[in-house]
Amino acid sequence: MANYYQTNNISIYYKYDECFTEPCYFNKNFKYDLTQKYRKKNVFQKWSVENTICRYNSFEIASNNIELFCSNFESFENTKNINYAVLTLTMKQDYIENQDKVYNLPMRCPNKIDALDENYGFWFFLIICILEFCYIIGINILTLGSLRRVSIRKGLVNDELYYKIPRNLKDKESESTSSEDTIKKKIRYKSRYPKDKIIQNSVEEFKTQEEAYFNKTLIECIINNFKELHPLPSLCRVSIISPLILHSWFFVFNLLCLFGFNALIYYEGLIEKRIYDKKRNNFDYPMRKEFHKIILSILCQIALTTLLKLLVLVSLRQRDNLEYSLKSCKLKENEEINNEIVTRIDQFENEMLLRRLLGGLLMVIIVVFFFYYTVVFCGIYIHTQKNWMFSCIWSLFWNWIVFCPIYIVIIAIIEYKKQDSYNPLVYNLKRLFFF
């Protein structure tokens, strides 16, 4: 054992070796990461030499002996009457002070990171940030000039607001035809307000003037909710209530938070367990040995996302106000969109701008922290970073393939039973979707 560790520059009989005294110590020569407790309790051999003139010097691999350095022998050189001397060495049990002390190395040891070319965390975060930057540029290009009107119309259709806008028609026949086409294109909903109720708010008063009907099947509810809520399809779904750029922010934020929490919660006890498992580098290892960490990372990401979604939430009242303002606009026959509608949309977006910018700023701060933490984590625990990546992939699997579809189906069932897509419960469950 002494030979093995000495070959890798660790003196297991010397308690002041860097391996035992330096928390930020790491060694690339092993197939696993030597954690702080493991180094002090398992690698160090818990003994020392009790003598005032001798100290440990090295372990000699060739002779398989421990070499001690002793002083004060020169005082015997000029003494003729002494032919020999006896040096007594006593071996005693020893331990390293504060051997149970464990530091958070990613927060303590950023200066130990010397190379990023093999750092999984650095490359993953960098690639995702670059892709998000390109996506934002693409979205801004698609909202320039006349394309903005196309985007607004598509967003109003997806938010089920477009066909609520009145249209001027030439005669009753065209009005009847348009009404039939409208019913085919749109999904109409029952009013949430009873007709016999005295309404003071103008929006609610307007709502009582129209009684509509819910005509979605359960399958249609599920499909529509998948398109609207699932993280991947929602990146292509234009919306006024939840703009594409906001979807992309939350997509990147949720993704990087999930990966960041997998590093933040990866405590050294889990890393030490990998030392004793020969299958530690297998893809299924996180599911077998670290499932609780995966679930905890998902829960932490959900909690953080929910708080930020509450900050940028478009309330049902705000959505109703937008619908009411659009109903005061009028489209000419064969007119897709007009300046009045664009102005109303701009006013709505200006009302939400400050909250969205504040939410975006908080996201950037949190993502920067996770970027830093993950890069240092992967730079210190160089043999664990592959397993960290596997753990993150499994977290995405549970998020996107298991939990997210289940939650979407639950929302669809509630929506179908309520027979109202804009029931407050259904609406808020959608707006606070946290995957």
Protein backbone atom coordinates (compact mmCIF):
# COMPACT_ATOMS: atom_id res chain seq x y z
CA MET A 1 0.00 0.00 0.00
CA ALA A 2 2.84 2.39 0.87
CA ASN A 3 4.53 1.50 -2.39
CA TYR A 4 1.33 2.12 -4.40
CA TYR A 5 0.66 5.55 -2.91
CA GLN A 6 4.32 6.59 -2.93
CA THR A 7 4.37 5.93 -6.66
CA ASN A 8 1.56 8.48 -6.88
CA ASN A 9 3.43 11.01 -4.70
CA ILE A 10 1.59 10.40 -1.42
CA SER A 11 3.42 9.45 1.79
CA ILE A 12 0.88 7.49 3.78
CA TYR A 13 3.01 7.56 6.97
CA TYR A 14 3.54 11.32 7.04
CA LYS A 15 0.65 13.27 8.55
CA TYR A 16 1.92 16.56 7.10
CA ASP A 17 1.83 15.35 3.53
CA GLU A 18 -0.08 17.73 1.25
CA CYS A 19 -2.63 14.99 0.65
CA PHE A 20 -3.75 15.21 4.29
CA THR A 21 -3.27 18.91 5.03
CA GLU A 22 -4.49 20.58 1.83
CA PRO A 23 -8.30 20.48 1.41
CA CYS A 24 -8.01 21.43 -2.28
CA TYR A 25 -5.64 18.56 -3.02
CA PHE A 26 -6.52 16.39 -5.99
CA ASN A 27 -4.57 13.78 -7.91
CA LYS A 28 -5.15 12.71 -11.50
CA ASN A 29 -3.20 9.46 -11.12
CA PHE A 30 -6.07 7.52 -9.56
CA LYS A 31 -9.20 6.11 -11.18
CA TYR A 32 -11.36 7.82 -8.57
CA ASP A 33 -11.36 11.05 -6.57
CA LEU A 34 -9.77 11.00 -3.11
CA THR A 35 -12.23 12.83 -0.88
CA GLN A 36 -11.18 14.80 2.19
CA LYS A 37 -12.35 12.28 4.81
CA TYR A 38 -11.10 9.31 2.82
CA ARG A 39 -7.61 10.80 2.57
CA LYS A 40 -7.38 11.55 6.31
CA LYS A 41 -9.04 8.37 7.59
CA ASN A 42 -8.12 5.69 5.05
CA VAL A 43 -4.98 6.76 3.23
CA PHE A 44 -3.08 8.10 6.27
CA GLN A 45 -1.85 5.12 8.37
CA LYS A 46 -2.42 6.71 11.78
CA TRP A 47 1.03 6.43 13.37
CA SER A 48 4.05 8.62 14.08
CA VAL A 49 7.57 8.39 15.55
CA GLU A 50 7.82 9.64 19.13
CA ASN A 51 11.32 11.10 19.33
CA THR A 52 12.71 14.60 19.82
CA ILE A 53 15.52 14.39 17.25
CA CYS A 54 13.99 12.29 14.45
CA ARG A 55 11.31 13.00 11.92
CA TYR A 56 9.81 11.17 8.99
CA ASN A 57 11.64 11.79 5.72
CA SER A 58 10.35 9.38 3.06
CA PHE A 59 9.34 5.89 2.13
CA GLU A 60 11.98 4.12 0.07
CA ILE A 61 10.32 2.05 -2.61
CA ALA A 62 13.47 0.12 -3.54
CA SER A 63 14.20 -1.12 -0.01
CA ASN A 64 10.60 -1.06 1.22
CA ASN A 65 11.77 0.89 4.27
CA ILE A 66 10.81 4.11 5.96
CA GLU A 67 13.64 6.64 6.07
CA LEU A 68 13.87 8.94 9.08
CA PHE A 69 15.90 12.10 9.31
CA CYS A 70 17.65 12.48 12.68
CA SER A 71 19.77 15.37 13.96
CA ASN A 72 22.39 15.98 16.73
CA PHE A 73 24.59 12.98 15.86
CA GLU A 74 27.50 15.33 15.21
CA SER A 75 27.90 15.83 19.00
CA PHE A 76 29.20 12.26 19.27
CA GLU A 77 31.84 12.46 16.55
CA ASN A 78 34.61 13.96 18.75
CA THR A 79 33.89 11.84 21.79
CA LYS A 80 36.54 9.10 22.02
CA ASN A 81 35.07 7.28 25.00
CA ILE A 82 31.77 6.50 23.31
CA ASN A 83 31.91 3.61 20.86
CA TYR A 84 28.23 3.29 20.28
CA ALA A 85 24.91 4.93 21.13
CA VAL A 86 21.35 3.72 21.42
CA LEU A 87 18.52 5.62 19.71
CA THR A 88 15.10 4.74 21.01
CA LEU A 89 12.14 5.18 18.66
CA THR A 90 8.63 4.66 19.89
CA MET A 91 5.78 4.11 17.41
CA LYS A 92 2.49 5.53 18.60
CA GLN A 93 -1.04 5.79 17.28
CA ASP A 94 -1.76 9.14 15.71
CA TYR A 95 -4.53 10.91 13.88
CA ILE A 96 -5.04 14.06 11.87
CA GLU A 97 -6.65 16.96 13.66
CA ASN A 98 -10.14 17.83 12.41
CA GLN A 99 -10.18 14.69 10.31
CA ASP A 100 -13.98 14.91 10.02
CA LYS A 101 -13.84 18.50 8.77
CA VAL A 102 -15.13 18.74 5.21
CA TYR A 103 -14.95 21.95 3.18
CA ASN A 104 -17.08 22.88 0.20
CA LEU A 105 -14.25 22.63 -2.30
CA PRO A 106 -15.95 24.26 -5.32
CA MET A 107 -16.41 27.41 -3.20
CA ARG A 108 -12.94 27.18 -1.64
CA CYS A 109 -10.66 26.06 -4.47
CA PRO A 110 -11.35 27.94 -7.73
CA ASN A 111 -7.62 28.70 -8.12
CA LYS A 112 -6.91 24.96 -8.44
CA ILE A 113 -8.62 24.78 -11.83
CA ASP A 114 -5.82 24.82 -14.39
CA ALA A 115 -7.34 23.30 -17.55
CA LEU A 116 -10.79 23.62 -19.09
CA ASP A 117 -10.35 21.49 -22.20
CA GLU A 118 -11.54 18.36 -20.34
CA ASN A 119 -14.01 20.10 -18.03
CA TYR A 120 -17.49 18.74 -18.78
CA GLY A 121 -19.28 21.49 -16.88
CA PHE A 122 -17.50 24.30 -18.70
CA TRP A 123 -18.26 22.98 -22.17
CA PHE A 124 -21.88 22.09 -21.41
CA PHE A 125 -22.74 25.47 -19.89
CA LEU A 126 -20.84 27.33 -22.62
CA ILE A 127 -22.59 25.47 -25.47
CA ILE A 128 -26.06 25.98 -23.94
CA CYS A 129 -25.39 29.70 -23.44
CA ILE A 130 -24.17 30.07 -27.04
CA LEU A 131 -27.24 28.25 -28.38
CA GLU A 132 -29.51 30.48 -26.28
CA PHE A 133 -27.75 33.57 -27.59
CA CYS A 134 -28.27 32.39 -31.18
CA TYR A 135 -31.92 31.56 -30.42
CA ILE A 136 -32.55 35.06 -29.03
CA ILE A 137 -31.00 36.62 -32.15
CA GLY A 138 -33.23 34.44 -34.34
CA ILE A 139 -36.36 35.37 -32.39
CA ASN A 140 -35.55 39.08 -32.67
CA ILE A 141 -35.04 38.74 -36.41
CA LEU A 142 -38.45 37.06 -36.74
CA THR A 143 -40.13 40.01 -35.00
CA LEU A 144 -38.69 42.74 -37.22
CA GLY A 145 -40.78 44.73 -39.70
CA SER A 146 -43.72 42.97 -41.26
CA LEU A 147 -42.72 39.70 -39.63
CA ARG A 148 -43.78 41.18 -36.29
CA ARG A 149 -47.39 41.38 -37.47
CA VAL A 150 -47.27 37.76 -38.55
CA SER A 151 -45.83 36.81 -35.15
CA ILE A 152 -48.51 38.81 -33.29
CA ARG A 153 -51.31 37.20 -35.27
CA LYS A 154 -49.92 33.72 -34.64
CA GLY A 155 -49.55 34.48 -30.95
CA LEU A 156 -53.12 35.74 -30.68
CA VAL A 157 -54.40 32.60 -32.40
CA ASN A 158 -52.44 30.32 -30.04
CA ASP A 159 -53.69 32.29 -27.02
CA GLU A 160 -57.26 32.02 -28.34
CA LEU A 161 -57.60 35.79 -28.55
CA TYR A 162 -57.54 36.42 -32.29
CA TYR A 163 -61.06 35.22 -33.08
CA LYS A 164 -62.45 37.31 -30.23
CA ILE A 165 -61.60 40.47 -32.21
CA PRO A 166 -64.71 41.85 -34.03
CA ARG A 167 -64.62 42.03 -37.82
CA ASN A 168 -66.52 44.46 -40.06
CA LEU A 169 -68.46 42.57 -42.76
CA LYS A 170 -70.27 43.85 -45.83
CA ASP A 171 -73.51 41.91 -45.51
CA LYS A 172 -75.26 39.42 -43.30
CA GLU A 173 -74.39 36.51 -45.55
CA SER A 174 -70.68 37.12 -45.22
CA GLU A 175 -71.20 37.64 -41.50
CA SER A 176 -72.90 34.26 -41.20
CA THR A 177 -70.16 32.57 -43.21
CA SER A 178 -67.46 34.22 -41.15
CA SER A 179 -69.21 33.14 -37.96
CA GLU A 180 -69.24 29.51 -39.09
CA ASP A 181 -65.56 29.66 -40.05
CA THR A 182 -64.75 31.22 -36.71
CA ILE A 183 -66.44 28.40 -34.81
CA LYS A 184 -64.41 25.87 -36.76
CA LYS A 185 -61.14 27.66 -36.14
CA LYS A 186 -61.48 28.69 -32.55
CA ILE A 187 -62.35 26.96 -29.29
CA ARG A 188 -65.03 28.84 -27.42
CA TYR A 189 -65.46 28.77 -23.69
CA LYS A 190 -68.24 29.09 -21.20
CA SER A 191 -68.31 32.38 -19.38
CA ARG A 192 -66.89 32.23 -15.87
CA TYR A 193 -69.38 34.81 -14.67
CA PRO A 194 -73.15 34.16 -14.15
CA LYS A 195 -75.51 36.43 -16.04
CA ASP A 196 -77.56 37.33 -12.99
CA LYS A 197 -74.49 38.55 -11.07
CA ILE A 198 -74.01 42.31 -10.79
CA ILE A 199 -70.58 43.04 -12.23
CA GLN A 200 -68.80 46.28 -11.49
CA ASN A 201 -65.61 45.65 -13.42
CA SER A 202 -65.86 46.46 -17.11
CA VAL A 203 -64.07 43.30 -18.14
CA GLU A 204 -66.47 41.10 -16.21
CA GLU A 205 -69.40 43.08 -17.53
CA PHE A 206 -68.22 42.40 -21.06
CA LYS A 207 -67.81 38.71 -20.29
CA THR A 208 -71.45 38.36 -19.34
CA GLN A 209 -72.51 39.47 -22.79
CA GLU A 210 -71.23 36.34 -24.47
CA GLU A 211 -72.03 32.76 -23.53
CA ALA A 212 -69.68 30.31 -25.23
CA TYR A 213 -69.17 26.58 -25.17
CA PHE A 214 -66.24 24.28 -24.52
CA ASN A 215 -65.89 21.74 -27.33
CA LYS A 216 -62.55 20.00 -26.70
CA THR A 217 -62.18 16.29 -26.19
CA LEU A 218 -59.82 14.98 -23.53
CA ILE A 219 -57.33 13.92 -26.20
CA GLU A 220 -57.41 17.40 -27.72
CA CYS A 221 -56.80 18.93 -24.29
CA ILE A 222 -53.77 16.69 -23.77
CA ILE A 223 -52.32 17.41 -27.22
CA ASN A 224 -52.83 21.17 -26.94
CA ASN A 225 -51.31 21.23 -23.47
CA PHE A 226 -48.30 19.26 -24.66
CA LYS A 227 -47.70 21.81 -27.41
CA GLU A 228 -48.14 24.69 -25.00
CA LEU A 229 -46.36 23.41 -21.88
CA HIS A 230 -43.75 20.76 -22.64
CA PRO A 231 -40.29 22.42 -22.62
CA LEU A 232 -39.33 21.28 -26.13
CA PRO A 233 -42.49 21.95 -28.23
CA SER A 234 -43.09 25.24 -26.39
CA LEU A 235 -39.87 26.63 -27.91
CA CYS A 236 -41.69 26.76 -31.24
CA ARG A 237 -45.07 28.00 -30.01
CA VAL A 238 -45.63 31.71 -30.51
CA SER A 239 -47.62 33.39 -27.74
CA ILE A 240 -48.44 36.84 -26.42
CA ILE A 241 -49.06 35.65 -22.85
CA SER A 242 -45.85 33.58 -22.78
CA PRO A 243 -43.51 34.93 -25.48
CA LEU A 244 -40.97 32.69 -27.17
CA ILE A 245 -38.07 34.57 -25.65
CA LEU A 246 -39.51 34.04 -22.16
CA HIS A 247 -39.96 30.34 -22.91
CA SER A 248 -36.33 30.13 -23.99
CA TRP A 249 -35.17 31.89 -20.81
CA PHE A 250 -36.98 29.41 -18.63
CA PHE A 251 -35.88 26.48 -20.79
CA VAL A 252 -32.21 27.39 -20.36
CA PHE A 253 -32.70 28.38 -16.72
CA ASN A 254 -34.41 25.08 -15.81
CA LEU A 255 -31.83 23.06 -17.71
CA LEU A 256 -28.79 24.76 -16.17
CA CYS A 257 -30.35 24.83 -12.69
CA LEU A 258 -30.97 21.10 -12.92
CA PHE A 259 -27.33 20.51 -13.86
CA GLY A 260 -26.15 23.02 -11.26
CA PHE A 261 -28.11 21.42 -8.43
CA ASN A 262 -26.72 18.01 -9.40
CA ALA A 263 -23.27 19.44 -8.70
CA LEU A 264 -24.30 21.48 -5.65
CA ILE A 265 -25.95 18.50 -3.93
CA TYR A 266 -23.17 16.07 -4.91
CA TYR A 267 -21.72 15.88 -1.40
CA GLU A 268 -18.43 14.10 -0.72
CA GLY A 269 -20.08 11.11 0.93
CA LEU A 270 -21.54 10.13 -2.44
CA ILE A 271 -18.19 10.68 -4.14
CA GLU A 272 -16.45 8.49 -1.54
CA LYS A 273 -18.91 5.66 -2.14
CA ARG A 274 -17.77 5.55 -5.75
CA ILE A 275 -14.29 4.50 -4.61
CA TYR A 276 -15.62 1.12 -3.44
CA ASP A 277 -17.79 0.40 -6.49
CA LYS A 278 -16.08 -1.04 -9.56
CA LYS A 279 -19.08 -0.08 -11.71
CA ARG A 280 -18.81 3.56 -10.69
CA ASN A 281 -18.40 4.80 -14.27
CA ASN A 282 -21.40 2.94 -15.72
CA PHE A 283 -24.28 4.97 -17.12
CA ASP A 284 -26.78 3.34 -14.76
CA TYR A 285 -24.72 4.04 -11.63
CA PRO A 286 -26.60 7.27 -10.68
CA MET A 287 -29.94 5.44 -10.85
CA ARG A 288 -28.66 2.62 -8.66
CA LYS A 289 -26.74 4.61 -6.06
CA GLU A 290 -27.74 8.26 -6.33
CA PHE A 291 -31.44 8.29 -7.13
CA HIS A 292 -32.25 10.43 -4.10
CA LYS A 293 -29.83 13.10 -5.36
CA ILE A 294 -31.54 13.12 -8.75
CA ILE A 295 -34.99 13.61 -7.18
CA LEU A 296 -33.70 16.27 -4.78
CA SER A 297 -32.11 18.18 -7.67
CA ILE A 298 -35.42 18.13 -9.54
CA LEU A 299 -37.32 19.36 -6.47
CA CYS A 300 -34.87 22.22 -5.93
CA GLN A 301 -35.14 23.23 -9.58
CA ILE A 302 -38.95 23.14 -9.36
CA ALA A 303 -38.97 25.35 -6.26
CA LEU A 304 -36.66 27.93 -7.83
CA THR A 305 -38.56 27.98 -11.12
CA THR A 306 -41.91 28.39 -9.38
CA LEU A 307 -40.67 31.47 -7.51
CA LEU A 308 -39.46 33.10 -10.71
CA LYS A 309 -42.65 32.16 -12.57
CA LEU A 310 -44.64 33.90 -9.85
CA LEU A 311 -42.56 37.02 -10.47
CA VAL A 312 -43.31 37.16 -14.22
CA LEU A 313 -46.81 35.69 -14.02
CA VAL A 314 -49.50 37.12 -16.29
CA SER A 315 -52.52 36.88 -14.03
CA LEU A 316 -55.91 35.81 -15.30
CA ARG A 317 -57.16 39.34 -14.70
CA GLN A 318 -54.39 40.76 -16.89
CA ARG A 319 -55.17 38.22 -19.57
CA ASP A 320 -58.87 39.15 -19.43
CA ASN A 321 -58.01 42.84 -19.63
CA LEU A 322 -55.98 42.15 -22.77
CA GLU A 323 -58.88 40.23 -24.29
CA TYR A 324 -61.29 43.05 -23.43
CA SER A 325 -59.02 45.69 -24.98
CA LEU A 326 -58.66 43.63 -28.18
CA LYS A 327 -62.44 43.30 -28.45
CA SER A 328 -62.65 47.05 -28.73
CA CYS A 329 -60.59 46.86 -31.92
CA LYS A 330 -62.14 46.18 -35.30
CA LEU A 331 -60.72 44.29 -38.23
CA LYS A 332 -61.78 45.08 -41.76
CA GLU A 333 -62.87 42.33 -44.08
CA ASN A 334 -59.85 40.27 -45.21
CA GLU A 335 -57.61 42.21 -42.82
CA GLU A 336 -55.25 40.02 -40.79
CA ILE A 337 -53.97 42.59 -38.31
CA ASN A 338 -53.98 46.36 -37.92
CA ASN A 339 -52.08 49.11 -36.12
CA GLU A 340 -54.60 49.35 -33.31
CA ILE A 341 -54.08 45.69 -32.38
CA VAL A 342 -50.30 46.10 -32.54
CA THR A 343 -50.58 49.13 -30.24
CA ARG A 344 -52.64 47.13 -27.70
CA ILE A 345 -50.07 44.33 -27.75
CA ASP A 346 -47.23 46.82 -27.29
CA GLN A 347 -49.02 48.34 -24.29
CA PHE A 348 -49.48 44.90 -22.75
CA GLU A 349 -45.81 44.01 -23.28
CA ASN A 350 -44.69 47.34 -21.80
CA GLU A 351 -46.78 46.62 -18.70
CA MET A 352 -44.98 43.26 -18.27
CA LEU A 353 -41.53 44.50 -19.31
CA LEU A 354 -40.17 45.52 -15.90
CA ARG A 355 -41.17 42.27 -14.19
CA ARG A 356 -39.78 40.21 -17.05
CA LEU A 357 -36.49 42.10 -17.03
CA LEU A 358 -36.22 41.64 -13.25
CA GLY A 359 -36.94 37.92 -13.64
CA GLY A 360 -34.36 37.70 -16.43
CA LEU A 361 -31.74 39.45 -14.28
CA LEU A 362 -32.31 37.00 -11.42
CA MET A 363 -32.02 34.10 -13.85
CA VAL A 364 -28.69 35.42 -15.14
CA ILE A 365 -27.30 35.80 -11.61
CA ILE A 366 -28.35 32.26 -10.64
CA VAL A 367 -27.05 30.75 -13.89
CA VAL A 368 -23.69 32.53 -13.51
CA PHE A 369 -23.35 31.10 -10.00
CA PHE A 370 -24.15 27.57 -11.22
CA PHE A 371 -21.77 28.03 -14.16
CA TYR A 372 -18.94 28.91 -11.75
CA TYR A 373 -19.81 26.21 -9.23
CA THR A 374 -20.15 23.42 -11.80
CA VAL A 375 -16.92 24.30 -13.59
CA VAL A 376 -14.95 24.22 -10.31
CA PHE A 377 -16.73 21.02 -9.22
CA CYS A 378 -15.76 19.25 -12.45
CA GLY A 379 -12.24 20.65 -12.20
CA ILE A 380 -11.68 19.30 -8.69
CA TYR A 381 -13.58 16.01 -8.89
CA ILE A 382 -12.15 15.14 -12.26
CA HIS A 383 -13.05 11.44 -12.03
CA THR A 384 -16.60 12.16 -10.87
CA GLN A 385 -17.55 14.65 -13.57
CA LYS A 386 -18.58 11.94 -16.04
CA ASN A 387 -20.89 10.47 -13.42
CA TRP A 388 -22.21 13.99 -12.78
CA MET A 389 -23.11 14.23 -16.45
CA PHE A 390 -24.87 10.84 -16.34
CA SER A 391 -26.80 11.99 -13.28
CA CYS A 392 -27.91 15.14 -15.12
CA ILE A 393 -29.09 13.11 -18.11
CA TRP A 394 -31.14 10.90 -15.81
CA SER A 395 -32.60 14.03 -14.20
CA LEU A 396 -33.68 15.27 -17.62
CA PHE A 397 -35.20 11.88 -18.35
CA TRP A 398 -37.34 12.02 -15.22
CA ASN A 399 -38.22 15.66 -15.83
CA TRP A 400 -39.10 15.56 -19.53
CA ILE A 401 -40.20 11.97 -20.07
CA VAL A 402 -41.90 11.05 -16.79
CA PHE A 403 -42.93 13.91 -14.47
CA CYS A 404 -43.64 16.56 -17.11
CA PRO A 405 -46.08 14.41 -19.18
CA ILE A 406 -47.84 13.25 -16.01
CA TYR A 407 -48.33 16.85 -14.89
CA ILE A 408 -49.58 17.86 -18.35
CA VAL A 409 -52.10 15.02 -18.37
CA ILE A 410 -53.33 16.04 -14.91
CA ILE A 411 -53.87 19.63 -16.12
CA ALA A 412 -55.70 18.34 -19.20
CA ILE A 413 -58.00 16.16 -17.10
CA ILE A 414 -58.84 19.09 -14.79
CA GLU A 415 -59.44 21.32 -17.80
CA TYR A 416 -61.73 18.74 -19.40
CA LYS A 417 -63.70 18.20 -16.19
CA LYS A 418 -64.05 21.92 -15.58
CA GLN A 419 -65.07 22.38 -19.24
CA ASP A 420 -63.18 25.65 -19.16
CA SER A 421 -59.60 26.31 -20.27
CA TYR A 422 -59.61 29.59 -18.39
CA ASN A 423 -60.83 28.33 -15.08
CA PRO A 424 -58.53 30.05 -12.50
CA LEU A 425 -57.13 26.72 -11.31
CA VAL A 426 -56.37 25.48 -14.83
CA TYR A 427 -54.97 28.81 -15.98
CA ASN A 428 -52.60 29.20 -13.00
CA LEU A 429 -51.41 25.59 -13.26
CA LYS A 430 -50.41 26.32 -16.83
CA ARG A 431 -48.76 29.65 -16.09
CA LEU A 432 -46.78 28.18 -13.18
CA PHE A 433 -45.63 25.14 -15.15
CA PHE A 434 -42.23 24.44 -13.61
CA PHE A 435 -40.56 21.81 -15.79
